[in-house]
Amino acid sequence: MVSKSKKSSKKVIVDCSIPVQDKVIDVAAFEKFLHDKIKVNGKCPAPAGAVTIQREKTKLTIVFADENSSKRYIKYLTKKYLKKQQLKDYLRVIASSTNSYSLKYYKFENDAAGDDEE
């Protein structure tokens, strides 16, 4: 009898390319924020080996050691970071695929016609 003990992991990607190009977000500071705030089994910061965060220019790759970690938790922490940096009113977190998020600007409509009616 041979038992397969393949470890399954979950990978979540956060793409910050648009705000980084405009020099709105510092990816290194965001990576440190995630490293300090991610909880695994109620322990903050996460125990060694439970979470791996890798930075690739404008993208962060978060790899959880267990499959049960949620992608939604990364979205929550990303929103928390944006609020802390006072950027929540300008940026939003959008799921770009099943395992990735991207940060994009809100689209504001100019009310130029509305200002003339005063």
PDB file of N, CA and C in Angstrom:
ATOM      1  N   MET A   1       0.824  -1.182   0.000  1.00  0.00           N
ATOM      2  CA  MET A   1       0.000   0.000   0.000  1.00  0.00           C
ATOM      3  C   MET A   1       0.867   1.244   0.000  1.00  0.00           C
ATOM      4  N   VAL A   2       0.688   2.048  -0.984  1.00  0.00           N
ATOM      5  CA  VAL A   2       1.434   3.287  -1.079  1.00  0.00           C
ATOM      6  C   VAL A   2       0.436   4.429  -0.922  1.00  0.00           C
ATOM      7  N   SER A   3       0.688   5.273   0.049  1.00  0.00           N
ATOM      8  CA  SER A   3      -0.210   6.408   0.248  1.00  0.00           C
ATOM      9  C   SER A   3       0.454   7.666  -0.302  1.00  0.00           C
ATOM     10  N   LYS A   4      -0.324   8.407  -1.000  1.00  0.00           N
ATOM     11  CA  LYS A   4       0.192   9.651  -1.563  1.00  0.00           C
ATOM     12  C   LYS A   4      -0.055  10.774  -0.557  1.00  0.00           C
ATOM     13  N   SER A   5       1.011  11.376  -0.141  1.00  0.00           N
ATOM     14  CA  SER A   5       0.881  12.493   0.798  1.00  0.00           C
ATOM     15  C   SER A   5       1.288  13.782   0.107  1.00  0.00           C
ATOM     16  N   LYS A   6       0.572  14.100  -0.940  1.00  0.00           N
ATOM     17  CA  LYS A   6       0.841  15.317  -1.690  1.00  0.00           C
ATOM     18  C   LYS A   6       0.235  16.506  -0.945  1.00  0.00           C
ATOM     19  N   LYS A   7       1.080  17.484  -0.677  1.00  0.00           N
ATOM     20  CA  LYS A   7       0.583  18.670   0.024  1.00  0.00           C
ATOM     21  C   LYS A   7      -0.117  19.575  -0.981  1.00  0.00           C
ATOM     22  N   SER A   8      -1.300  19.974  -0.656  1.00  0.00           N
ATOM     23  CA  SER A   8      -2.009  20.893  -1.526  1.00  0.00           C
ATOM     24  C   SER A   8      -1.860  22.301  -0.964  1.00  0.00           C
ATOM     25  N   SER A   9      -1.702  23.236  -1.857  1.00  0.00           N
ATOM     26  CA  SER A   9      -1.563  24.621  -1.438  1.00  0.00           C
ATOM     27  C   SER A   9      -2.503  25.478  -2.267  1.00  0.00           C
ATOM     28  N   LYS A  10      -2.755  26.663  -1.786  1.00  0.00           N
ATOM     29  CA  LYS A  10      -3.644  27.589  -2.474  1.00  0.00           C
ATOM     30  C   LYS A  10      -2.865  28.856  -2.790  1.00  0.00           C
ATOM     31  N   LYS A  11      -2.973  29.316  -4.027  1.00  0.00           N
ATOM     32  CA  LYS A  11      -2.217  30.475  -4.475  1.00  0.00           C
ATOM     33  C   LYS A  11      -3.176  31.592  -4.877  1.00  0.00           C
ATOM     34  N   VAL A  12      -2.919  32.801  -4.355  1.00  0.00           N
ATOM     35  CA  VAL A  12      -3.726  33.975  -4.693  1.00  0.00           C
ATOM     36  C   VAL A  12      -2.776  35.059  -5.183  1.00  0.00           C
ATOM     37  N   ILE A  13      -3.129  35.695  -6.295  1.00  0.00           N
ATOM     38  CA  ILE A  13      -2.296  36.744  -6.887  1.00  0.00           C
ATOM     39  C   ILE A  13      -3.027  38.078  -6.772  1.00  0.00           C
ATOM     40  N   VAL A  14      -2.317  39.116  -6.326  1.00  0.00           N
ATOM     41  CA  VAL A  14      -2.864  40.467  -6.268  1.00  0.00           C
ATOM     42  C   VAL A  14      -2.053  41.318  -7.239  1.00  0.00           C
ATOM     43  N   ASP A  15      -2.715  41.819  -8.284  1.00  0.00           N
ATOM     44  CA  ASP A  15      -2.062  42.615  -9.316  1.00  0.00           C
ATOM     45  C   ASP A  15      -2.249  44.097  -8.997  1.00  0.00           C
ATOM     46  N   CYS A  16      -1.151  44.785  -8.709  1.00  0.00           N
ATOM     47  CA  CYS A  16      -1.198  46.206  -8.348  1.00  0.00           C
ATOM     48  C   CYS A  16      -0.587  47.074  -9.440  1.00  0.00           C
ATOM     49  N   SER A  17      -0.560  46.613 -10.672  1.00  0.00           N
ATOM     50  CA  SER A  17       0.189  47.288 -11.726  1.00  0.00           C
ATOM     51  C   SER A  17      -0.318  48.698 -12.040  1.00  0.00           C
ATOM     52  N   ILE A  18      -1.614  48.913 -12.061  1.00  0.00           N
ATOM     53  CA  ILE A  18      -2.150  50.229 -12.421  1.00  0.00           C
ATOM     54  C   ILE A  18      -1.805  51.292 -11.374  1.00  0.00           C
ATOM     55  N   PRO A  19      -2.057  51.066 -10.070  1.00  0.00           N
ATOM     56  CA  PRO A  19      -1.682  52.081  -9.090  1.00  0.00           C
ATOM     57  C   PRO A  19      -0.165  52.243  -8.925  1.00  0.00           C
ATOM     58  N   VAL A  20       0.602  51.200  -9.170  1.00  0.00           N
ATOM     59  CA  VAL A  20       2.060  51.307  -9.050  1.00  0.00           C
ATOM     60  C   VAL A  20       2.620  52.163 -10.177  1.00  0.00           C
ATOM     61  N   GLN A  21       2.059  52.050 -11.379  1.00  0.00           N
ATOM     62  CA  GLN A  21       2.506  52.879 -12.504  1.00  0.00           C
ATOM     63  C   GLN A  21       2.281  54.357 -12.210  1.00  0.00           C
ATOM     64  N   ASP A  22       1.197  54.663 -11.482  1.00  0.00           N
ATOM     65  CA  ASP A  22       0.900  56.051 -11.125  1.00  0.00           C
ATOM     66  C   ASP A  22       1.579  56.471  -9.824  1.00  0.00           C
ATOM     67  N   LYS A  23       2.371  55.576  -9.239  1.00  0.00           N
ATOM     68  CA  LYS A  23       3.094  55.820  -7.981  1.00  0.00           C
ATOM     69  C   LYS A  23       2.152  56.158  -6.829  1.00  0.00           C
ATOM     70  N   VAL A  24       1.036  55.447  -6.777  1.00  0.00           N
ATOM     71  CA  VAL A  24       0.052  55.626  -5.709  1.00  0.00           C
ATOM     72  C   VAL A  24       0.304  54.633  -4.581  1.00  0.00           C
ATOM     73  N   ILE A  25       0.695  53.406  -4.926  1.00  0.00           N
ATOM     74  CA  ILE A  25       0.910  52.348  -3.947  1.00  0.00           C
ATOM     75  C   ILE A  25       2.365  51.886  -4.005  1.00  0.00           C
ATOM     76  N   ASP A  26       2.926  51.627  -2.825  1.00  0.00           N
ATOM     77  CA  ASP A  26       4.248  51.022  -2.726  1.00  0.00           C
ATOM     78  C   ASP A  26       4.051  49.533  -2.465  1.00  0.00           C
ATOM     79  N   VAL A  27       4.498  48.695  -3.397  1.00  0.00           N
ATOM     80  CA  VAL A  27       4.264  47.259  -3.298  1.00  0.00           C
ATOM     81  C   VAL A  27       5.003  46.655  -2.104  1.00  0.00           C
ATOM     82  N   ALA A  28       6.184  47.187  -1.790  1.00  0.00           N
ATOM     83  CA  ALA A  28       6.956  46.667  -0.658  1.00  0.00           C
ATOM     84  C   ALA A  28       6.213  46.907   0.657  1.00  0.00           C
ATOM     85  N   ALA A  29       5.592  48.076   0.805  1.00  0.00           N
ATOM     86  CA  ALA A  29       4.823  48.381   2.018  1.00  0.00           C
ATOM     87  C   ALA A  29       3.577  47.500   2.097  1.00  0.00           C
ATOM     88  N   PHE A  30       2.941  47.249   0.964  1.00  0.00           N
ATOM     89  CA  PHE A  30       1.767  46.376   0.925  1.00  0.00           C
ATOM     90  C   PHE A  30       2.149  44.952   1.296  1.00  0.00           C
ATOM     91  N   GLU A  31       3.305  44.493   0.797  1.00  0.00           N
ATOM     92  CA  GLU A  31       3.779  43.151   1.127  1.00  0.00           C
ATOM     93  C   GLU A  31       4.035  43.030   2.634  1.00  0.00           C
ATOM     94  N   LYS A  32       4.659  44.050   3.232  1.00  0.00           N
ATOM     95  CA  LYS A  32       4.931  44.025   4.678  1.00  0.00           C
ATOM     96  C   LYS A  32       3.627  44.027   5.470  1.00  0.00           C
ATOM     97  N   PHE A  33       2.639  44.812   5.017  1.00  0.00           N
ATOM     98  CA  PHE A  33       1.335  44.859   5.672  1.00  0.00           C
ATOM     99  C   PHE A  33       0.698  43.470   5.673  1.00  0.00           C
ATOM    100  N   LEU A  34       0.707  42.799   4.521  1.00  0.00           N
ATOM    101  CA  LEU A  34       0.121  41.457   4.438  1.00  0.00           C
ATOM    102  C   LEU A  34       0.880  40.478   5.322  1.00  0.00           C
ATOM    103  N   HIS A  35       2.196  40.581   5.317  1.00  0.00           N
ATOM    104  CA  HIS A  35       3.000  39.669   6.139  1.00  0.00           C
ATOM    105  C   HIS A  35       2.696  39.841   7.624  1.00  0.00           C
ATOM    106  N   ASP A  36       2.461  41.079   8.047  1.00  0.00           N
ATOM    107  CA  ASP A  36       2.180  41.356   9.460  1.00  0.00           C
ATOM    108  C   ASP A  36       0.750  41.007   9.860  1.00  0.00           C
ATOM    109  N   LYS A  37      -0.193  41.075   8.935  1.00  0.00           N
ATOM    110  CA  LYS A  37      -1.609  40.952   9.278  1.00  0.00           C
ATOM    111  C   LYS A  37      -2.247  39.596   8.992  1.00  0.00           C
ATOM    112  N   ILE A  38      -1.656  38.782   8.125  1.00  0.00           N
ATOM    113  CA  ILE A  38      -2.285  37.505   7.786  1.00  0.00           C
ATOM    114  C   ILE A  38      -2.286  36.587   9.002  1.00  0.00           C
ATOM    115  N   LYS A  39      -3.476  36.061   9.298  1.00  0.00           N
ATOM    116  CA  LYS A  39      -3.637  35.124  10.408  1.00  0.00           C
ATOM    117  C   LYS A  39      -3.867  33.724   9.852  1.00  0.00           C
ATOM    118  N   VAL A  40      -3.248  32.756  10.491  1.00  0.00           N
ATOM    119  CA  VAL A  40      -3.491  31.350  10.177  1.00  0.00           C
ATOM    120  C   VAL A  40      -3.800  30.657  11.492  1.00  0.00           C
ATOM    121  N   ASN A  41      -4.980  30.060  11.569  1.00  0.00           N
ATOM    122  CA  ASN A  41      -5.459  29.406  12.794  1.00  0.00           C
ATOM    123  C   ASN A  41      -5.451  30.350  13.991  1.00  0.00           C
ATOM    124  N   GLY A  42      -5.796  31.614  13.756  1.00  0.00           N
ATOM    125  CA  GLY A  42      -5.891  32.587  14.842  1.00  0.00           C
ATOM    126  C   GLY A  42      -4.568  33.155  15.311  1.00  0.00           C
ATOM    127  N   LYS A  43      -3.476  32.833  14.634  1.00  0.00           N
ATOM    128  CA  LYS A  43      -2.157  33.325  15.045  1.00  0.00           C
ATOM    129  C   LYS A  43      -1.682  34.381  14.060  1.00  0.00           C
ATOM    130  N   CYS A  44      -1.340  35.538  14.615  1.00  0.00           N
ATOM    131  CA  CYS A  44      -0.877  36.655  13.805  1.00  0.00           C
ATOM    132  C   CYS A  44       0.455  37.130  14.360  1.00  0.00           C
ATOM    133  N   PRO A  45       1.516  37.276  13.617  1.00  0.00           N
ATOM    134  CA  PRO A  45       1.637  36.889  12.214  1.00  0.00           C
ATOM    135  C   PRO A  45       1.620  35.374  12.052  1.00  0.00           C
ATOM    136  N   ALA A  46       1.410  34.965  10.833  1.00  0.00           N
ATOM    137  CA  ALA A  46       1.265  33.533  10.532  1.00  0.00           C
ATOM    138  C   ALA A  46       2.541  32.773  10.885  1.00  0.00           C
ATOM    139  N   PRO A  47       2.407  31.553  11.379  1.00  0.00           N
ATOM    140  CA  PRO A  47       3.593  30.736  11.689  1.00  0.00           C
ATOM    141  C   PRO A  47       4.459  30.501  10.443  1.00  0.00           C
ATOM    142  N   ALA A  48       5.737  30.278  10.663  1.00  0.00           N
ATOM    143  CA  ALA A  48       6.659  30.086   9.547  1.00  0.00           C
ATOM    144  C   ALA A  48       6.232  28.901   8.691  1.00  0.00           C
ATOM    145  N   GLY A  49       6.238  29.097   7.393  1.00  0.00           N
ATOM    146  CA  GLY A  49       5.875  28.029   6.471  1.00  0.00           C
ATOM    147  C   GLY A  49       4.394  27.941   6.150  1.00  0.00           C
ATOM    148  N   ALA A  50       3.542  28.614   6.916  1.00  0.00           N
ATOM    149  CA  ALA A  50       2.105  28.554   6.661  1.00  0.00           C
ATOM    150  C   ALA A  50       1.710  29.437   5.481  1.00  0.00           C
ATOM    151  N   VAL A  51       2.413  30.569   5.326  1.00  0.00           N
ATOM    152  CA  VAL A  51       2.111  31.503   4.244  1.00  0.00           C
ATOM    153  C   VAL A  51       3.421  31.983   3.637  1.00  0.00           C
ATOM    154  N   THR A  52       3.464  32.027   2.312  1.00  0.00           N
ATOM    155  CA  THR A  52       4.615  32.565   1.605  1.00  0.00           C
ATOM    156  C   THR A  52       4.134  33.709   0.725  1.00  0.00           C
ATOM    157  N   ILE A  53       4.800  34.870   0.840  1.00  0.00           N
ATOM    158  CA  ILE A  53       4.444  36.033   0.025  1.00  0.00           C
ATOM    159  C   ILE A  53       5.644  36.350  -0.864  1.00  0.00           C
ATOM    160  N   GLN A  54       5.396  36.390  -2.176  1.00  0.00           N
ATOM    161  CA  GLN A  54       6.448  36.694  -3.135  1.00  0.00           C
ATOM    162  C   GLN A  54       6.055  37.932  -3.922  1.00  0.00           C
ATOM    163  N   ARG A  55       7.039  38.805  -4.143  1.00  0.00           N
ATOM    164  CA  ARG A  55       6.791  40.037  -4.891  1.00  0.00           C
ATOM    165  C   ARG A  55       7.488  39.947  -6.240  1.00  0.00           C
ATOM    166  N   GLU A  56       6.748  40.264  -7.291  1.00  0.00           N
ATOM    167  CA  GLU A  56       7.288  40.293  -8.650  1.00  0.00           C
ATOM    168  C   GLU A  56       6.915  41.637  -9.269  1.00  0.00           C
ATOM    169  N   LYS A  57       7.764  42.618  -9.161  1.00  0.00           N
ATOM    170  CA  LYS A  57       7.566  43.985  -9.646  1.00  0.00           C
ATOM    171  C   LYS A  57       6.248  44.571  -9.139  1.00  0.00           C
ATOM    172  N   THR A  58       5.155  44.334  -9.848  1.00  0.00           N
ATOM    173  CA  THR A  58       3.876  44.936  -9.464  1.00  0.00           C
ATOM    174  C   THR A  58       2.847  43.920  -8.994  1.00  0.00           C
ATOM    175  N   LYS A  59       3.249  42.655  -8.837  1.00  0.00           N
ATOM    176  CA  LYS A  59       2.314  41.617  -8.418  1.00  0.00           C
ATOM    177  C   LYS A  59       2.789  40.964  -7.129  1.00  0.00           C
ATOM    178  N   LEU A  60       1.832  40.617  -6.277  1.00  0.00           N
ATOM    179  CA  LEU A  60       2.118  39.856  -5.068  1.00  0.00           C
ATOM    180  C   LEU A  60       1.469  38.489  -5.217  1.00  0.00           C
ATOM    181  N   THR A  61       2.233  37.457  -4.900  1.00  0.00           N
ATOM    182  CA  THR A  61       1.721  36.098  -4.935  1.00  0.00           C
ATOM    183  C   THR A  61       1.721  35.561  -3.518  1.00  0.00           C
ATOM    184  N   ILE A  62       0.552  35.228  -3.012  1.00  0.00           N
ATOM    185  CA  ILE A  62       0.407  34.696  -1.658  1.00  0.00           C
ATOM    186  C   ILE A  62       0.096  33.212  -1.794  1.00  0.00           C
ATOM    187  N   VAL A  63       0.935  32.376  -1.186  1.00  0.00           N
ATOM    188  CA  VAL A  63       0.751  30.933  -1.241  1.00  0.00           C
ATOM    189  C   VAL A  63       0.483  30.433   0.165  1.00  0.00           C
ATOM    190  N   PHE A  64      -0.710  29.858   0.366  1.00  0.00           N
ATOM    191  CA  PHE A  64      -1.074  29.264   1.651  1.00  0.00           C
ATOM    192  C   PHE A  64      -0.685  27.795   1.628  1.00  0.00           C
ATOM    193  N   ALA A  65      -0.185  27.284   2.751  1.00  0.00           N
ATOM    194  CA  ALA A  65       0.235  25.888   2.828  1.00  0.00           C
ATOM    195  C   ALA A  65      -0.959  24.942   2.796  1.00  0.00           C
ATOM    196  N   ASP A  66      -2.102  25.378   3.302  1.00  0.00           N
ATOM    197  CA  ASP A  66      -3.279  24.498   3.290  1.00  0.00           C
ATOM    198  C   ASP A  66      -4.324  25.015   2.311  1.00  0.00           C
ATOM    199  N   GLU A  67      -5.133  24.105   1.831  1.00  0.00           N
ATOM    200  CA  GLU A  67      -6.152  24.403   0.826  1.00  0.00           C
ATOM    201  C   GLU A  67      -7.342  25.158   1.413  1.00  0.00           C
ATOM    202  N   ASN A  68      -7.529  25.147   2.716  1.00  0.00           N
ATOM    203  CA  ASN A  68      -8.720  25.709   3.344  1.00  0.00           C
ATOM    204  C   ASN A  68      -8.691  27.224   3.500  1.00  0.00           C
ATOM    205  N   SER A  69      -7.574  27.861   3.221  1.00  0.00           N
ATOM    206  CA  SER A  69      -7.497  29.318   3.341  1.00  0.00           C
ATOM    207  C   SER A  69      -8.346  29.969   2.261  1.00  0.00           C
ATOM    208  N   SER A  70      -8.907  31.136   2.579  1.00  0.00           N
ATOM    209  CA  SER A  70      -9.845  31.739   1.633  1.00  0.00           C
ATOM    210  C   SER A  70      -9.224  32.896   0.863  1.00  0.00           C
ATOM    211  N   LYS A  71      -9.634  32.978  -0.387  1.00  0.00           N
ATOM    212  CA  LYS A  71      -9.225  34.076  -1.259  1.00  0.00           C
ATOM    213  C   LYS A  71      -9.873  35.375  -0.782  1.00  0.00           C
ATOM    214  N   ARG A  72     -11.057  35.254  -0.245  1.00  0.00           N
ATOM    215  CA  ARG A  72     -11.809  36.403   0.242  1.00  0.00           C
ATOM    216  C   ARG A  72     -11.062  37.129   1.365  1.00  0.00           C
ATOM    217  N   TYR A  73     -10.302  36.397   2.176  1.00  0.00           N
ATOM    218  CA  TYR A  73      -9.531  36.993   3.272  1.00  0.00           C
ATOM    219  C   TYR A  73      -8.462  37.935   2.724  1.00  0.00           C
ATOM    220  N   ILE A  74      -7.863  37.600   1.595  1.00  0.00           N
ATOM    221  CA  ILE A  74      -6.868  38.481   0.972  1.00  0.00           C
ATOM    222  C   ILE A  74      -7.539  39.743   0.456  1.00  0.00           C
ATOM    223  N   LYS A  75      -8.759  39.602  -0.076  1.00  0.00           N
ATOM    224  CA  LYS A  75      -9.494  40.778  -0.529  1.00  0.00           C
ATOM    225  C   LYS A  75      -9.808  41.685   0.655  1.00  0.00           C
ATOM    226  N   TYR A  76     -10.203  41.100   1.781  1.00  0.00           N
ATOM    227  CA  TYR A  76     -10.483  41.858   3.006  1.00  0.00           C
ATOM    228  C   TYR A  76      -9.243  42.626   3.458  1.00  0.00           C
ATOM    229  N   LEU A  77      -8.094  41.963   3.482  1.00  0.00           N
ATOM    230  CA  LEU A  77      -6.864  42.625   3.920  1.00  0.00           C
ATOM    231  C   LEU A  77      -6.422  43.712   2.936  1.00  0.00           C
ATOM    232  N   THR A  78      -6.654  43.480   1.647  1.00  0.00           N
ATOM    233  CA  THR A  78      -6.317  44.491   0.645  1.00  0.00           C
ATOM    234  C   THR A  78      -7.165  45.735   0.840  1.00  0.00           C
ATOM    235  N   LYS A  79      -8.460  45.555   1.087  1.00  0.00           N
ATOM    236  CA  LYS A  79      -9.339  46.691   1.351  1.00  0.00           C
ATOM    237  C   LYS A  79      -8.926  47.418   2.627  1.00  0.00           C
ATOM    238  N   LYS A  80      -8.509  46.661   3.629  1.00  0.00           N
ATOM    239  CA  LYS A  80      -8.055  47.246   4.885  1.00  0.00           C
ATOM    240  C   LYS A  80      -6.803  48.098   4.656  1.00  0.00           C
ATOM    241  N   TYR A  81      -5.889  47.624   3.819  1.00  0.00           N
ATOM    242  CA  TYR A  81      -4.689  48.386   3.488  1.00  0.00           C
ATOM    243  C   TYR A  81      -5.043  49.668   2.753  1.00  0.00           C
ATOM    244  N   LEU A  82      -5.974  49.572   1.792  1.00  0.00           N
ATOM    245  CA  LEU A  82      -6.382  50.760   1.045  1.00  0.00           C
ATOM    246  C   LEU A  82      -7.018  51.797   1.961  1.00  0.00           C
ATOM    247  N   LYS A  83      -7.807  51.352   2.924  1.00  0.00           N
ATOM    248  CA  LYS A  83      -8.426  52.264   3.871  1.00  0.00           C
ATOM    249  C   LYS A  83      -7.368  52.934   4.747  1.00  0.00           C
ATOM    250  N   LYS A  84      -6.380  52.162   5.165  1.00  0.00           N
ATOM    251  CA  LYS A  84      -5.298  52.695   5.997  1.00  0.00           C
ATOM    252  C   LYS A  84      -4.504  53.758   5.240  1.00  0.00           C
ATOM    253  N   GLN A  85      -4.315  53.563   3.939  1.00  0.00           N
ATOM    254  CA  GLN A  85      -3.581  54.508   3.103  1.00  0.00           C
ATOM    255  C   GLN A  85      -4.475  55.622   2.555  1.00  0.00           C
ATOM    256  N   GLN A  86      -5.736  55.630   2.937  1.00  0.00           N
ATOM    257  CA  GLN A  86      -6.752  56.589   2.487  1.00  0.00           C
ATOM    258  C   GLN A  86      -6.924  56.568   0.964  1.00  0.00           C
ATOM    259  N   LEU A  87      -6.930  55.368   0.417  1.00  0.00           N
ATOM    260  CA  LEU A  87      -7.111  55.181  -1.022  1.00  0.00           C
ATOM    261  C   LEU A  87      -8.383  54.427  -1.361  1.00  0.00           C
ATOM    262  N   LYS A  88      -9.161  54.064  -0.354  1.00  0.00           N
ATOM    263  CA  LYS A  88     -10.357  53.241  -0.549  1.00  0.00           C
ATOM    264  C   LYS A  88     -11.393  53.936  -1.429  1.00  0.00           C
ATOM    265  N   ASP A  89     -11.401  55.280  -1.422  1.00  0.00           N
ATOM    266  CA  ASP A  89     -12.371  56.024  -2.232  1.00  0.00           C
ATOM    267  C   ASP A  89     -11.990  56.061  -3.714  1.00  0.00           C
ATOM    268  N   TYR A  90     -10.753  55.691  -4.035  1.00  0.00           N
ATOM    269  CA  TYR A  90     -10.270  55.818  -5.407  1.00  0.00           C
ATOM    270  C   TYR A  90      -9.972  54.481  -6.080  1.00  0.00           C
ATOM    271  N   LEU A  91      -9.654  53.461  -5.290  1.00  0.00           N
ATOM    272  CA  LEU A  91      -9.296  52.159  -5.841  1.00  0.00           C
ATOM    273  C   LEU A  91     -10.265  51.096  -5.373  1.00  0.00           C
ATOM    274  N   ARG A  92     -10.463  50.077  -6.189  1.00  0.00           N
ATOM    275  CA  ARG A  92     -11.300  48.957  -5.794  1.00  0.00           C
ATOM    276  C   ARG A  92     -10.603  47.653  -6.145  1.00  0.00           C
ATOM    277  N   VAL A  93     -11.002  46.600  -5.474  1.00  0.00           N
ATOM    278  CA  VAL A  93     -10.406  45.283  -5.651  1.00  0.00           C
ATOM    279  C   VAL A  93     -11.368  44.444  -6.474  1.00  0.00           C
ATOM    280  N   ILE A  94     -10.909  43.985  -7.635  1.00  0.00           N
ATOM    281  CA  ILE A  94     -11.760  43.244  -8.563  1.00  0.00           C
ATOM    282  C   ILE A  94     -11.151  41.865  -8.804  1.00  0.00           C
ATOM    283  N   ALA A  95     -11.985  40.841  -8.776  1.00  0.00           N
ATOM    284  CA  ALA A  95     -11.524  39.487  -9.080  1.00  0.00           C
ATOM    285  C   ALA A  95     -11.328  39.384 -10.584  1.00  0.00           C
ATOM    286  N   SER A  96     -10.076  39.202 -11.006  1.00  0.00           N
ATOM    287  CA  SER A  96      -9.793  39.113 -12.438  1.00  0.00           C
ATOM    288  C   SER A  96      -9.834  37.673 -12.941  1.00  0.00           C
ATOM    289  N   SER A  97      -9.641  36.704 -12.054  1.00  0.00           N
ATOM    290  CA  SER A  97      -9.810  35.295 -12.406  1.00  0.00           C
ATOM    291  C   SER A  97     -10.121  34.527 -11.123  1.00  0.00           C
ATOM    292  N   THR A  98     -10.132  33.221 -11.200  1.00  0.00           N
ATOM    293  CA  THR A  98     -10.524  32.428 -10.034  1.00  0.00           C
ATOM    294  C   THR A  98      -9.513  32.483  -8.902  1.00  0.00           C
ATOM    295  N   ASN A  99      -8.266  32.845  -9.199  1.00  0.00           N
ATOM    296  CA  ASN A  99      -7.279  32.895  -8.130  1.00  0.00           C
ATOM    297  C   ASN A  99      -6.507  34.210  -8.100  1.00  0.00           C
ATOM    298  N   SER A 100      -7.073  35.274  -8.664  1.00  0.00           N
ATOM    299  CA  SER A 100      -6.346  36.549  -8.650  1.00  0.00           C
ATOM    300  C   SER A 100      -7.284  37.740  -8.514  1.00  0.00           C
ATOM    301  N   TYR A 101      -6.724  38.784  -7.937  1.00  0.00           N
ATOM    302  CA  TYR A 101      -7.397  40.073  -7.793  1.00  0.00           C
ATOM    303  C   TYR A 101      -6.561  41.128  -8.498  1.00  0.00           C
ATOM    304  N   SER A 102      -7.206  42.213  -8.905  1.00  0.00           N
ATOM    305  CA  SER A 102      -6.478  43.347  -9.447  1.00  0.00           C
ATOM    306  C   SER A 102      -7.053  44.621  -8.845  1.00  0.00           C
ATOM    307  N   LEU A 103      -6.203  45.618  -8.696  1.00  0.00           N
ATOM    308  CA  LEU A 103      -6.624  46.911  -8.169  1.00  0.00           C
ATOM    309  C   LEU A 103      -6.870  47.851  -9.338  1.00  0.00           C
ATOM    310  N   LYS A 104      -8.049  48.441  -9.372  1.00  0.00           N
ATOM    311  CA  LYS A 104      -8.412  49.351 -10.457  1.00  0.00           C
ATOM    312  C   LYS A 104      -9.052  50.598  -9.873  1.00  0.00           C
ATOM    313  N   TYR A 105      -9.002  51.666 -10.642  1.00  0.00           N
ATOM    314  CA  TYR A 105      -9.611  52.921 -10.221  1.00  0.00           C
ATOM    315  C   TYR A 105     -11.115  52.891 -10.451  1.00  0.00           C
ATOM    316  N   TYR A 106     -11.846  53.613  -9.594  1.00  0.00           N
ATOM    317  CA  TYR A 106     -13.267  53.819  -9.842  1.00  0.00           C
ATOM    318  C   TYR A 106     -13.398  54.754 -11.034  1.00  0.00           C
ATOM    319  N   LYS A 107     -14.459  54.592 -11.795  1.00  0.00           N
ATOM    320  CA  LYS A 107     -14.716  55.496 -12.912  1.00  0.00           C
ATOM    321  C   LYS A 107     -15.666  56.584 -12.429  1.00  0.00           C
ATOM    322  N   PHE A 108     -15.190  57.810 -12.467  1.00  0.00           N
ATOM    323  CA  PHE A 108     -16.005  58.952 -12.055  1.00  0.00           C
ATOM    324  C   PHE A 108     -16.501  59.674 -13.300  1.00  0.00           C
ATOM    325  N   GLU A 109     -17.782  60.000 -13.296  1.00  0.00           N
ATOM    326  CA  GLU A 109     -18.369  60.756 -14.391  1.00  0.00           C
ATOM    327  C   GLU A 109     -18.317  62.237 -14.031  1.00  0.00           C
ATOM    328  N   ASN A 110     -17.862  63.054 -14.957  1.00  0.00           N
ATOM    329  CA  ASN A 110     -17.837  64.490 -14.737  1.00  0.00           C
ATOM    330  C   ASN A 110     -19.231  65.047 -14.957  1.00  0.00           C
ATOM    331  N   ASP A 111     -19.711  65.806 -14.007  1.00  0.00           N
ATOM    332  CA  ASP A 111     -21.028  66.405 -14.104  1.00  0.00           C
ATOM    333  C   ASP A 111     -20.908  67.842 -14.582  1.00  0.00           C
ATOM    334  N   ALA A 112     -20.289  68.059 -15.724  1.00  0.00           N
ATOM    335  CA  ALA A 112     -20.105  69.406 -16.258  1.00  0.00           C
ATOM    336  C   ALA A 112     -21.444  70.024 -16.632  1.00  0.00           C
ATOM    337  N   ALA A 113     -22.355  69.216 -17.167  1.00  0.00           N
ATOM    338  CA  ALA A 113     -23.673  69.726 -17.536  1.00  0.00           C
ATOM    339  C   ALA A 113     -24.472  70.072 -16.273  1.00  0.00           C
ATOM    340  N   GLY A 114     -24.305  69.350 -15.229  1.00  0.00           N
ATOM    341  CA  GLY A 114     -25.020  69.593 -13.995  1.00  0.00           C
ATOM    342  C   GLY A 114     -24.578  70.869 -13.289  1.00  0.00           C
ATOM    343  N   ASP A 115     -23.326  71.278 -13.506  1.00  0.00           N
ATOM    344  CA  ASP A 115     -22.829  72.496 -12.868  1.00  0.00           C
ATOM    345  C   ASP A 115     -23.384  73.749 -13.545  1.00  0.00           C
ATOM    346  N   ASP A 116     -23.743  73.671 -14.825  1.00  0.00           N
ATOM    347  CA  ASP A 116     -24.243  74.834 -15.560  1.00  0.00           C
ATOM    348  C   ASP A 116     -25.679  75.176 -15.165  1.00  0.00           C
ATOM    349  N   GLU A 117     -26.390  74.253 -14.553  1.00  0.00           N
ATOM    350  CA  GLU A 117     -27.802  74.487 -14.275  1.00  0.00           C
ATOM    351  C   GLU A 117     -28.031  75.324 -13.013  1.00  0.00           C
ATOM    352  N   GLU A 118     -27.004  75.683 -12.312  1.00  0.00           N
ATOM    353  CA  GLU A 118     -27.184  76.413 -11.043  1.00  0.00           C
ATOM    354  C   GLU A 118     -27.707  77.760 -11.222  1.00  0.00           C
TER     355      GLU A 118
END
